[in-house]
Amino acid sequence: MKNSRFPHLTAALATGATAVLVAVAAPLPAGATTTPTADSGAVSTAVGDSTGWLRLGHLSPDTKSVDVRVSALSGGSTVFELDGVAYGDVSTYQSLPAGSYTVSMVPAGASGSSVPVISETVTISADTATTVAAYGPTADLQVRAFEDDLTQPSSGSARIRLIQASTLTPEVDVSTSTGDSIAQDAKAGSATGYAEIPAGDWSLELTGKGVSDTAEVSVDPGSVTTLFVLDTSSGGLTILPVLDSASVGAAPDGGVDTGGGYLASAEVSTVAPAKLRGGLL
């Protein structure tokens, strides 16, 4: 597919990192420290050399809502919890001391002694942002972690990457309505690298095995965004844009521009315009 407007876009986005998909959201516990959002106009000044950021998400369409617990590997104390996380929920970034943590998912409302549906050990590095995601069908649920690249784009541009979380198709192609390729043969459970595009409104076409759809995405100048390919309740595909960073010099964000439920300002949205799929745990 031709890529006349930005010829280096396909190469950057098609370079798949072994990647990761995210899934999690719910209100942060009282007293928890959250990273300032772009709307607050604040930039974190409390983050030191030993602090990183962690973001969580729920991208398994047939897995019911879950509670997520993040515990320090050393000592096992719970650092924070997210309750009632549903499909399509993506949390804001949480600042944490650099170190190793266990991320565990249990059915929503389960007791503290319940056996986790799945758990994974992740390492948070200083001055880096990390996304941990649960994805895939319940029968093959997986959790992975990857480092988010918040490098600033050039003036008037935005940076995006694509994470293929759909269970409806093993691979997906994403292109603009003018035929510019965003991603080719993006495999389920994979993430592309970040690429720079002109800021503005984009109409995207998604094509997979036996399924196709369109999605509208808007990216602001100076922003860094992850585009999640998810399933809809009608058996189609949609894109959920998640803001990684709103502008140069701002702390990581993570609020969702459009799509399913999400965590923003320590509140969970129950609105799901995209009518994302949901199922039984």
C-alpha atoms as a PDB file:
ATOM      1  CA  MET A   1       0.000   0.000   0.000  1.00  0.00           C
ATOM      2  CA  LYS A   2       1.395   3.409  -0.920  1.00  0.00           C
ATOM      3  CA  ASN A   3       2.618   5.735   1.794  1.00  0.00           C
ATOM      4  CA  SER A   4       3.138   9.014  -0.009  1.00  0.00           C
ATOM      5  CA  ARG A   5       2.584  11.513   2.800  1.00  0.00           C
ATOM      6  CA  PHE A   6       5.010  10.018   5.324  1.00  0.00           C
ATOM      7  CA  PRO A   7       7.151   7.285   3.740  1.00  0.00           C
ATOM      8  CA  HIS A   8       8.948   6.305   6.959  1.00  0.00           C
ATOM      9  CA  LEU A   9       5.719   5.669   8.876  1.00  0.00           C
ATOM     10  CA  THR A  10       5.207   2.069   7.808  1.00  0.00           C
ATOM     11  CA  ALA A  11       8.751   1.011   8.650  1.00  0.00           C
ATOM     12  CA  ALA A  12       8.589   2.493  12.126  1.00  0.00           C
ATOM     13  CA  LEU A  13       5.177   1.101  12.978  1.00  0.00           C
ATOM     14  CA  ALA A  14       5.647  -2.273  11.380  1.00  0.00           C
ATOM     15  CA  THR A  15       8.700  -2.958  13.533  1.00  0.00           C
ATOM     16  CA  GLY A  16       6.910  -5.120  16.069  1.00  0.00           C
ATOM     17  CA  ALA A  17       8.137  -5.190  19.604  1.00  0.00           C
ATOM     18  CA  THR A  18       7.097  -8.516  21.177  1.00  0.00           C
ATOM     19  CA  ALA A  19       4.473  -6.555  22.761  1.00  0.00           C
ATOM     20  CA  VAL A  20       1.959  -6.026  25.169  1.00  0.00           C
ATOM     21  CA  LEU A  21      -1.574  -5.195  25.662  1.00  0.00           C
ATOM     22  CA  VAL A  22      -3.134  -3.538  28.518  1.00  0.00           C
ATOM     23  CA  ALA A  23      -6.119  -3.998  30.681  1.00  0.00           C
ATOM     24  CA  VAL A  24      -7.136  -2.486  33.973  1.00  0.00           C
ATOM     25  CA  ALA A  25      -8.984   0.352  35.598  1.00  0.00           C
ATOM     26  CA  ALA A  26     -10.782   1.374  38.729  1.00  0.00           C
ATOM     27  CA  PRO A  27     -10.661   4.046  41.361  1.00  0.00           C
ATOM     28  CA  LEU A  28      -7.313   4.558  43.045  1.00  0.00           C
ATOM     29  CA  PRO A  29      -7.271   4.018  46.808  1.00  0.00           C
ATOM     30  CA  ALA A  30      -7.541   6.965  49.132  1.00  0.00           C
ATOM     31  CA  GLY A  31      -4.196   8.619  49.598  1.00  0.00           C
ATOM     32  CA  ALA A  32      -2.696   7.163  46.455  1.00  0.00           C
ATOM     33  CA  THR A  33      -0.419   9.532  44.551  1.00  0.00           C
ATOM     34  CA  THR A  34      -1.286  10.036  40.913  1.00  0.00           C
ATOM     35  CA  THR A  35       0.705  11.731  38.190  1.00  0.00           C
ATOM     36  CA  PRO A  36      -0.671  15.177  37.247  1.00  0.00           C
ATOM     37  CA  THR A  37      -2.689  15.176  34.029  1.00  0.00           C
ATOM     38  CA  ALA A  38      -2.333  17.609  31.179  1.00  0.00           C
ATOM     39  CA  ASP A  39      -5.661  19.206  32.099  1.00  0.00           C
ATOM     40  CA  SER A  40      -4.326  20.197  35.499  1.00  0.00           C
ATOM     41  CA  GLY A  41      -1.547  22.165  33.871  1.00  0.00           C
ATOM     42  CA  ALA A  42       0.876  20.614  36.330  1.00  0.00           C
ATOM     43  CA  VAL A  43       4.113  18.839  35.741  1.00  0.00           C
ATOM     44  CA  SER A  44       5.333  16.359  38.312  1.00  0.00           C
ATOM     45  CA  THR A  45       8.093  17.790  40.480  1.00  0.00           C
ATOM     46  CA  ALA A  46       8.091  14.965  43.005  1.00  0.00           C
ATOM     47  CA  VAL A  47       9.466  12.381  40.609  1.00  0.00           C
ATOM     48  CA  GLY A  48      13.102  11.639  41.300  1.00  0.00           C
ATOM     49  CA  ASP A  49      15.748   9.440  39.775  1.00  0.00           C
ATOM     50  CA  SER A  50      14.324   6.382  41.527  1.00  0.00           C
ATOM     51  CA  THR A  51      10.746   6.793  40.311  1.00  0.00           C
ATOM     52  CA  GLY A  52       8.972   5.331  37.276  1.00  0.00           C
ATOM     53  CA  TRP A  53       5.371   5.079  36.067  1.00  0.00           C
ATOM     54  CA  LEU A  54       3.054   2.088  35.719  1.00  0.00           C
ATOM     55  CA  ARG A  55      -0.147   1.905  33.662  1.00  0.00           C
ATOM     56  CA  LEU A  56      -2.543  -1.045  33.603  1.00  0.00           C
ATOM     57  CA  GLY A  57      -5.313  -2.225  31.297  1.00  0.00           C
ATOM     58  CA  HIS A  58      -7.921  -4.911  30.521  1.00  0.00           C
ATOM     59  CA  LEU A  59      -8.029  -6.034  26.880  1.00  0.00           C
ATOM     60  CA  SER A  60      -9.545  -9.513  27.117  1.00  0.00           C
ATOM     61  CA  PRO A  61     -13.028  -9.361  25.523  1.00  0.00           C
ATOM     62  CA  ASP A  62     -14.478 -12.508  27.117  1.00  0.00           C
ATOM     63  CA  THR A  63     -13.056 -11.919  30.593  1.00  0.00           C
ATOM     64  CA  LYS A  64     -15.442 -10.380  33.112  1.00  0.00           C
ATOM     65  CA  SER A  65     -14.525  -7.395  35.284  1.00  0.00           C
ATOM     66  CA  VAL A  66     -11.561  -7.927  37.577  1.00  0.00           C
ATOM     67  CA  ASP A  67      -9.879  -6.328  40.572  1.00  0.00           C
ATOM     68  CA  VAL A  68      -6.170  -5.696  40.100  1.00  0.00           C
ATOM     69  CA  ARG A  69      -3.602  -5.569  42.881  1.00  0.00           C
ATOM     70  CA  VAL A  70      -0.065  -4.270  42.557  1.00  0.00           C
ATOM     71  CA  SER A  71       2.256  -5.490  45.316  1.00  0.00           C
ATOM     72  CA  ALA A  72       5.920  -4.918  46.040  1.00  0.00           C
ATOM     73  CA  LEU A  73       7.867  -8.087  45.306  1.00  0.00           C
ATOM     74  CA  SER A  74       9.976  -7.441  48.381  1.00  0.00           C
ATOM     75  CA  GLY A  75       7.740  -7.793  51.435  1.00  0.00           C
ATOM     76  CA  GLY A  76       4.547  -8.345  49.453  1.00  0.00           C
ATOM     77  CA  SER A  77       2.781  -5.192  50.635  1.00  0.00           C
ATOM     78  CA  THR A  78       0.002  -3.909  48.348  1.00  0.00           C
ATOM     79  CA  VAL A  79       0.998  -0.640  46.681  1.00  0.00           C
ATOM     80  CA  PHE A  80      -2.368   0.122  45.072  1.00  0.00           C
ATOM     81  CA  GLU A  81      -5.525  -1.602  43.863  1.00  0.00           C
ATOM     82  CA  LEU A  82      -7.931  -1.061  40.988  1.00  0.00           C
ATOM     83  CA  ASP A  83     -11.475  -2.371  41.398  1.00  0.00           C
ATOM     84  CA  GLY A  84     -14.098  -3.386  38.842  1.00  0.00           C
ATOM     85  CA  VAL A  85     -11.849  -3.166  35.811  1.00  0.00           C
ATOM     86  CA  ALA A  86     -13.773  -4.020  32.628  1.00  0.00           C
ATOM     87  CA  TYR A  87     -12.839  -4.721  29.028  1.00  0.00           C
ATOM     88  CA  GLY A  88     -11.456  -1.622  27.368  1.00  0.00           C
ATOM     89  CA  ASP A  89     -10.509   0.044  30.667  1.00  0.00           C
ATOM     90  CA  VAL A  90      -7.032   1.595  30.754  1.00  0.00           C
ATOM     91  CA  SER A  91      -5.716   3.301  33.854  1.00  0.00           C
ATOM     92  CA  THR A  92      -3.768   6.510  34.178  1.00  0.00           C
ATOM     93  CA  TYR A  93      -0.103   6.195  35.053  1.00  0.00           C
ATOM     94  CA  GLN A  94       0.751   5.635  38.712  1.00  0.00           C
ATOM     95  CA  SER A  95       4.146   6.847  39.963  1.00  0.00           C
ATOM     96  CA  LEU A  96       6.081   4.119  41.803  1.00  0.00           C
ATOM     97  CA  PRO A  97       9.578   3.703  43.224  1.00  0.00           C
ATOM     98  CA  ALA A  98      11.799   1.773  40.831  1.00  0.00           C
ATOM     99  CA  GLY A  99      11.765  -1.937  41.636  1.00  0.00           C
ATOM    100  CA  SER A 100       9.938  -5.223  41.077  1.00  0.00           C
ATOM    101  CA  TYR A 101       6.204  -5.656  41.578  1.00  0.00           C
ATOM    102  CA  THR A 102       3.586  -8.392  41.242  1.00  0.00           C
ATOM    103  CA  VAL A 103       0.454  -7.515  39.249  1.00  0.00           C
ATOM    104  CA  SER A 104      -2.430  -9.870  40.096  1.00  0.00           C
ATOM    105  CA  MET A 105      -5.962 -10.065  38.697  1.00  0.00           C
ATOM    106  CA  VAL A 106      -8.883 -11.629  40.597  1.00  0.00           C
ATOM    107  CA  PRO A 107     -12.624 -11.681  39.767  1.00  0.00           C
ATOM    108  CA  ALA A 108     -14.230  -8.362  40.698  1.00  0.00           C
ATOM    109  CA  GLY A 109     -15.414  -8.376  44.307  1.00  0.00           C
ATOM    110  CA  ALA A 110     -13.392 -11.463  45.271  1.00  0.00           C
ATOM    111  CA  SER A 111     -11.878 -11.686  48.744  1.00  0.00           C
ATOM    112  CA  GLY A 112      -8.266 -10.788  49.396  1.00  0.00           C
ATOM    113  CA  SER A 113      -7.419 -14.474  49.786  1.00  0.00           C
ATOM    114  CA  SER A 114      -8.784 -15.447  46.352  1.00  0.00           C
ATOM    115  CA  VAL A 115      -6.436 -17.191  43.952  1.00  0.00           C
ATOM    116  CA  PRO A 116      -5.484 -14.771  41.121  1.00  0.00           C
ATOM    117  CA  VAL A 117      -6.854 -15.452  37.665  1.00  0.00           C
ATOM    118  CA  ILE A 118      -3.412 -14.466  36.436  1.00  0.00           C
ATOM    119  CA  SER A 119      -0.385 -12.683  37.865  1.00  0.00           C
ATOM    120  CA  GLU A 120       2.907 -11.425  36.519  1.00  0.00           C
ATOM    121  CA  THR A 121       6.084  -9.931  37.962  1.00  0.00           C
ATOM    122  CA  VAL A 122       7.137  -6.651  36.366  1.00  0.00           C
ATOM    123  CA  THR A 123      10.109  -4.374  36.879  1.00  0.00           C
ATOM    124  CA  ILE A 124       9.644  -0.612  36.995  1.00  0.00           C
ATOM    125  CA  SER A 125      12.783   1.253  35.940  1.00  0.00           C
ATOM    126  CA  ALA A 126      13.659   4.774  37.016  1.00  0.00           C
ATOM    127  CA  ASP A 127      12.433   7.592  34.776  1.00  0.00           C
ATOM    128  CA  THR A 128      10.549   5.222  32.454  1.00  0.00           C
ATOM    129  CA  ALA A 129       6.861   4.572  31.811  1.00  0.00           C
ATOM    130  CA  THR A 130       5.657   0.972  31.638  1.00  0.00           C
ATOM    131  CA  THR A 131       2.368  -0.511  30.451  1.00  0.00           C
ATOM    132  CA  VAL A 132       1.195  -3.865  31.796  1.00  0.00           C
ATOM    133  CA  ALA A 133      -1.632  -5.516  29.918  1.00  0.00           C
ATOM    134  CA  ALA A 134      -3.848  -8.553  30.156  1.00  0.00           C
ATOM    135  CA  TYR A 135      -5.080  -9.626  26.720  1.00  0.00           C
ATOM    136  CA  GLY A 136      -6.340 -12.511  24.620  1.00  0.00           C
ATOM    137  CA  PRO A 137      -9.275 -14.860  25.279  1.00  0.00           C
ATOM    138  CA  THR A 138      -9.882 -16.109  28.830  1.00  0.00           C
ATOM    139  CA  ALA A 139      -8.770 -19.603  27.838  1.00  0.00           C
ATOM    140  CA  ASP A 140      -5.366 -18.203  26.844  1.00  0.00           C
ATOM    141  CA  LEU A 141      -5.145 -15.071  29.005  1.00  0.00           C
ATOM    142  CA  GLN A 142      -1.729 -13.444  29.050  1.00  0.00           C
ATOM    143  CA  VAL A 143      -0.047 -10.542  30.831  1.00  0.00           C
ATOM    144  CA  ARG A 144       2.932  -8.693  29.409  1.00  0.00           C
ATOM    145  CA  ALA A 145       4.813  -5.500  30.098  1.00  0.00           C
ATOM    146  CA  PHE A 146       6.592  -3.076  27.822  1.00  0.00           C
ATOM    147  CA  GLU A 147       8.356   0.239  28.048  1.00  0.00           C
ATOM    148  CA  ASP A 148       6.498   3.256  26.693  1.00  0.00           C
ATOM    149  CA  ASP A 149       8.563   5.697  24.628  1.00  0.00           C
ATOM    150  CA  LEU A 150       7.503   9.272  25.409  1.00  0.00           C
ATOM    151  CA  THR A 151      10.090  10.967  23.185  1.00  0.00           C
ATOM    152  CA  GLN A 152       8.728  14.293  21.991  1.00  0.00           C
ATOM    153  CA  PRO A 153       7.579  14.679  18.363  1.00  0.00           C
ATOM    154  CA  SER A 154       8.687  17.556  16.177  1.00  0.00           C
ATOM    155  CA  SER A 155       6.680  20.800  16.083  1.00  0.00           C
ATOM    156  CA  GLY A 156       3.143  20.353  14.734  1.00  0.00           C
ATOM    157  CA  SER A 157       3.383  16.549  14.825  1.00  0.00           C
ATOM    158  CA  ALA A 158       2.274  13.698  17.072  1.00  0.00           C
ATOM    159  CA  ARG A 159       3.712  10.255  17.794  1.00  0.00           C
ATOM    160  CA  ILE A 160       1.605   7.091  17.668  1.00  0.00           C
ATOM    161  CA  ARG A 161       2.002   3.349  17.923  1.00  0.00           C
ATOM    162  CA  LEU A 162      -0.443   0.490  17.368  1.00  0.00           C
ATOM    163  CA  ILE A 163      -1.193  -2.424  19.706  1.00  0.00           C
ATOM    164  CA  GLN A 164      -3.185  -5.271  18.147  1.00  0.00           C
ATOM    165  CA  ALA A 165      -5.485  -6.624  20.872  1.00  0.00           C
ATOM    166  CA  SER A 166      -8.333  -7.982  18.753  1.00  0.00           C
ATOM    167  CA  THR A 167      -9.239 -11.650  19.150  1.00  0.00           C
ATOM    168  CA  LEU A 168     -11.333 -11.663  15.971  1.00  0.00           C
ATOM    169  CA  THR A 169      -8.423 -11.747  13.554  1.00  0.00           C
ATOM    170  CA  PRO A 170      -4.855 -13.069  13.864  1.00  0.00           C
ATOM    171  CA  GLU A 171      -3.518 -10.086  11.898  1.00  0.00           C
ATOM    172  CA  VAL A 172      -4.773  -6.628  10.981  1.00  0.00           C
ATOM    173  CA  ASP A 173      -3.822  -3.944   8.478  1.00  0.00           C
ATOM    174  CA  VAL A 174      -4.490  -0.308   9.362  1.00  0.00           C
ATOM    175  CA  SER A 175      -4.366   2.487   6.802  1.00  0.00           C
ATOM    176  CA  THR A 176      -5.676   6.012   6.382  1.00  0.00           C
ATOM    177  CA  SER A 177      -8.661   6.716   4.151  1.00  0.00           C
ATOM    178  CA  THR A 178      -6.193   8.088   1.582  1.00  0.00           C
ATOM    179  CA  GLY A 179      -4.294   4.800   1.425  1.00  0.00           C
ATOM    180  CA  ASP A 180      -1.299   5.622   3.649  1.00  0.00           C
ATOM    181  CA  SER A 181      -0.273   2.522   5.590  1.00  0.00           C
ATOM    182  CA  ILE A 182      -0.212   2.731   9.395  1.00  0.00           C
ATOM    183  CA  ALA A 183       0.474  -0.977  10.048  1.00  0.00           C
ATOM    184  CA  GLN A 184       0.624  -4.134   7.949  1.00  0.00           C
ATOM    185  CA  ASP A 185       0.039  -7.683   9.198  1.00  0.00           C
ATOM    186  CA  ALA A 186       0.075  -6.579  12.844  1.00  0.00           C
ATOM    187  CA  LYS A 187      -0.255  -9.821  14.782  1.00  0.00           C
ATOM    188  CA  ALA A 188      -2.543 -10.303  17.771  1.00  0.00           C
ATOM    189  CA  GLY A 189      -0.658  -9.566  20.970  1.00  0.00           C
ATOM    190  CA  SER A 190       1.946  -7.382  19.287  1.00  0.00           C
ATOM    191  CA  ALA A 191       2.845  -3.699  19.376  1.00  0.00           C
ATOM    192  CA  THR A 192       4.492  -1.621  16.702  1.00  0.00           C
ATOM    193  CA  GLY A 193       7.147   0.981  17.328  1.00  0.00           C
ATOM    194  CA  TYR A 194       6.212   4.635  17.629  1.00  0.00           C
ATOM    195  CA  ALA A 195       6.059   6.770  14.489  1.00  0.00           C
ATOM    196  CA  GLU A 196       5.569  10.474  13.880  1.00  0.00           C
ATOM    197  CA  ILE A 197       2.549  11.779  11.958  1.00  0.00           C
ATOM    198  CA  PRO A 198       1.045  15.226  11.308  1.00  0.00           C
ATOM    199  CA  ALA A 199      -1.268  16.210  14.168  1.00  0.00           C
ATOM    200  CA  GLY A 200      -4.980  16.387  13.364  1.00  0.00           C
ATOM    201  CA  ASP A 201      -8.007  14.219  12.590  1.00  0.00           C
ATOM    202  CA  TRP A 202      -7.524  10.841  10.934  1.00  0.00           C
ATOM    203  CA  SER A 203      -9.976   8.385   9.408  1.00  0.00           C
ATOM    204  CA  LEU A 204      -8.520   4.884   9.654  1.00  0.00           C
ATOM    205  CA  GLU A 205      -9.489   1.681   7.876  1.00  0.00           C
ATOM    206  CA  LEU A 206      -8.963  -1.642   9.681  1.00  0.00           C
ATOM    207  CA  THR A 207      -8.816  -4.872   7.721  1.00  0.00           C
ATOM    208  CA  GLY A 208      -8.376  -8.362   9.141  1.00  0.00           C
ATOM    209  CA  LYS A 209      -9.239 -11.934   8.265  1.00  0.00           C
ATOM    210  CA  GLY A 210     -12.955 -11.834   7.459  1.00  0.00           C
ATOM    211  CA  VAL A 211     -13.519  -8.515   9.219  1.00  0.00           C
ATOM    212  CA  SER A 212     -13.086  -4.822   8.395  1.00  0.00           C
ATOM    213  CA  ASP A 213     -14.107  -1.516   9.932  1.00  0.00           C
ATOM    214  CA  THR A 214     -13.299   2.184  10.147  1.00  0.00           C
ATOM    215  CA  ALA A 215     -12.354   4.411  13.087  1.00  0.00           C
ATOM    216  CA  GLU A 216     -11.899   8.136  13.621  1.00  0.00           C
ATOM    217  CA  VAL A 217      -8.837   9.282  15.589  1.00  0.00           C
ATOM    218  CA  SER A 218      -7.648  12.756  16.542  1.00  0.00           C
ATOM    219  CA  VAL A 219      -4.125  13.490  17.806  1.00  0.00           C
ATOM    220  CA  ASP A 220      -2.928  16.843  19.157  1.00  0.00           C
ATOM    221  CA  PRO A 221       0.414  18.508  18.400  1.00  0.00           C
ATOM    222  CA  GLY A 222       3.106  17.336  20.797  1.00  0.00           C
ATOM    223  CA  SER A 223       1.134  14.306  21.981  1.00  0.00           C
ATOM    224  CA  VAL A 224       2.165  10.646  22.195  1.00  0.00           C
ATOM    225  CA  THR A 225      -0.675   8.135  21.749  1.00  0.00           C
ATOM    226  CA  THR A 226      -1.181   4.361  21.748  1.00  0.00           C
ATOM    227  CA  LEU A 227      -3.885   3.052  19.398  1.00  0.00           C
ATOM    228  CA  PHE A 228      -5.411  -0.202  20.661  1.00  0.00           C
ATOM    229  CA  VAL A 229      -7.224  -2.404  18.136  1.00  0.00           C
ATOM    230  CA  LEU A 230     -10.152  -3.957  20.036  1.00  0.00           C
ATOM    231  CA  ASP A 231     -13.313  -5.978  19.342  1.00  0.00           C
ATOM    232  CA  THR A 232     -16.808  -4.473  19.333  1.00  0.00           C
ATOM    233  CA  SER A 233     -20.008  -6.098  20.599  1.00  0.00           C
ATOM    234  CA  SER A 234     -21.265  -6.341  17.007  1.00  0.00           C
ATOM    235  CA  GLY A 235     -18.317  -8.477  15.921  1.00  0.00           C
ATOM    236  CA  GLY A 236     -16.289  -5.692  14.354  1.00  0.00           C
ATOM    237  CA  LEU A 237     -13.066  -3.836  15.025  1.00  0.00           C
ATOM    238  CA  THR A 238     -12.464  -0.460  16.607  1.00  0.00           C
ATOM    239  CA  ILE A 239      -9.519   1.669  17.699  1.00  0.00           C
ATOM    240  CA  LEU A 240      -9.201   2.899  21.275  1.00  0.00           C
ATOM    241  CA  PRO A 241      -6.762   5.854  21.441  1.00  0.00           C
ATOM    242  CA  VAL A 242      -4.959   6.108  24.789  1.00  0.00           C
ATOM    243  CA  LEU A 243      -2.949   9.225  25.544  1.00  0.00           C
ATOM    244  CA  ASP A 244       0.572   8.393  26.724  1.00  0.00           C
ATOM    245  CA  SER A 245       1.739  11.991  27.052  1.00  0.00           C
ATOM    246  CA  ALA A 246      -0.169  15.163  26.203  1.00  0.00           C
ATOM    247  CA  SER A 247       2.722  17.522  25.557  1.00  0.00           C
ATOM    248  CA  VAL A 248       6.454  18.024  25.835  1.00  0.00           C
ATOM    249  CA  GLY A 249       7.594  18.345  29.436  1.00  0.00           C
ATOM    250  CA  ALA A 250       4.374  16.961  30.903  1.00  0.00           C
ATOM    251  CA  ALA A 251       4.313  13.882  33.077  1.00  0.00           C
ATOM    252  CA  PRO A 252       2.771  10.764  31.487  1.00  0.00           C
ATOM    253  CA  ASP A 253      -1.007  10.823  31.151  1.00  0.00           C
ATOM    254  CA  GLY A 254      -2.911   7.771  30.041  1.00  0.00           C
ATOM    255  CA  GLY A 255      -6.489   8.997  29.832  1.00  0.00           C
ATOM    256  CA  VAL A 256      -8.564   7.723  26.951  1.00  0.00           C
ATOM    257  CA  ASP A 257      -9.760  10.086  24.223  1.00  0.00           C
ATOM    258  CA  THR A 258     -12.543   7.821  22.933  1.00  0.00           C
ATOM    259  CA  GLY A 259     -13.686   4.245  23.221  1.00  0.00           C
ATOM    260  CA  GLY A 260     -14.724   2.031  26.125  1.00  0.00           C
ATOM    261  CA  GLY A 261     -14.710   2.605  29.851  1.00  0.00           C
ATOM    262  CA  TYR A 262     -11.572   4.177  31.268  1.00  0.00           C
ATOM    263  CA  LEU A 263      -9.923   5.530  34.372  1.00  0.00           C
ATOM    264  CA  ALA A 264      -9.397   9.280  34.396  1.00  0.00           C
ATOM    265  CA  SER A 265      -9.045  11.623  37.355  1.00  0.00           C
ATOM    266  CA  ALA A 266      -9.373   8.568  39.630  1.00  0.00           C
ATOM    267  CA  GLU A 267     -12.851   7.771  38.315  1.00  0.00           C
ATOM    268  CA  VAL A 268     -14.053   4.919  36.119  1.00  0.00           C
ATOM    269  CA  SER A 269     -16.249   5.811  33.183  1.00  0.00           C
ATOM    270  CA  THR A 270     -19.124   3.434  32.547  1.00  0.00           C
ATOM    271  CA  VAL A 271     -19.771   4.887  29.101  1.00  0.00           C
ATOM    272  CA  ALA A 272     -18.736   2.656  26.224  1.00  0.00           C
ATOM    273  CA  PRO A 273     -19.497   4.409  22.907  1.00  0.00           C
ATOM    274  CA  ALA A 274     -17.649   1.753  20.966  1.00  0.00           C
ATOM    275  CA  LYS A 275     -19.833  -0.992  22.498  1.00  0.00           C
ATOM    276  CA  LEU A 276     -16.844  -3.172  23.280  1.00  0.00           C
ATOM    277  CA  ARG A 277     -17.374  -6.865  23.748  1.00  0.00           C
ATOM    278  CA  GLY A 278     -17.606  -8.358  27.195  1.00  0.00           C
ATOM    279  CA  GLY A 279     -18.003 -11.905  28.428  1.00  0.00           C
ATOM    280  CA  LEU A 280     -17.680 -14.443  31.177  1.00  0.00           C
ATOM    281  CA  LEU A 281     -14.612 -15.039  33.270  1.00  0.00           C
END
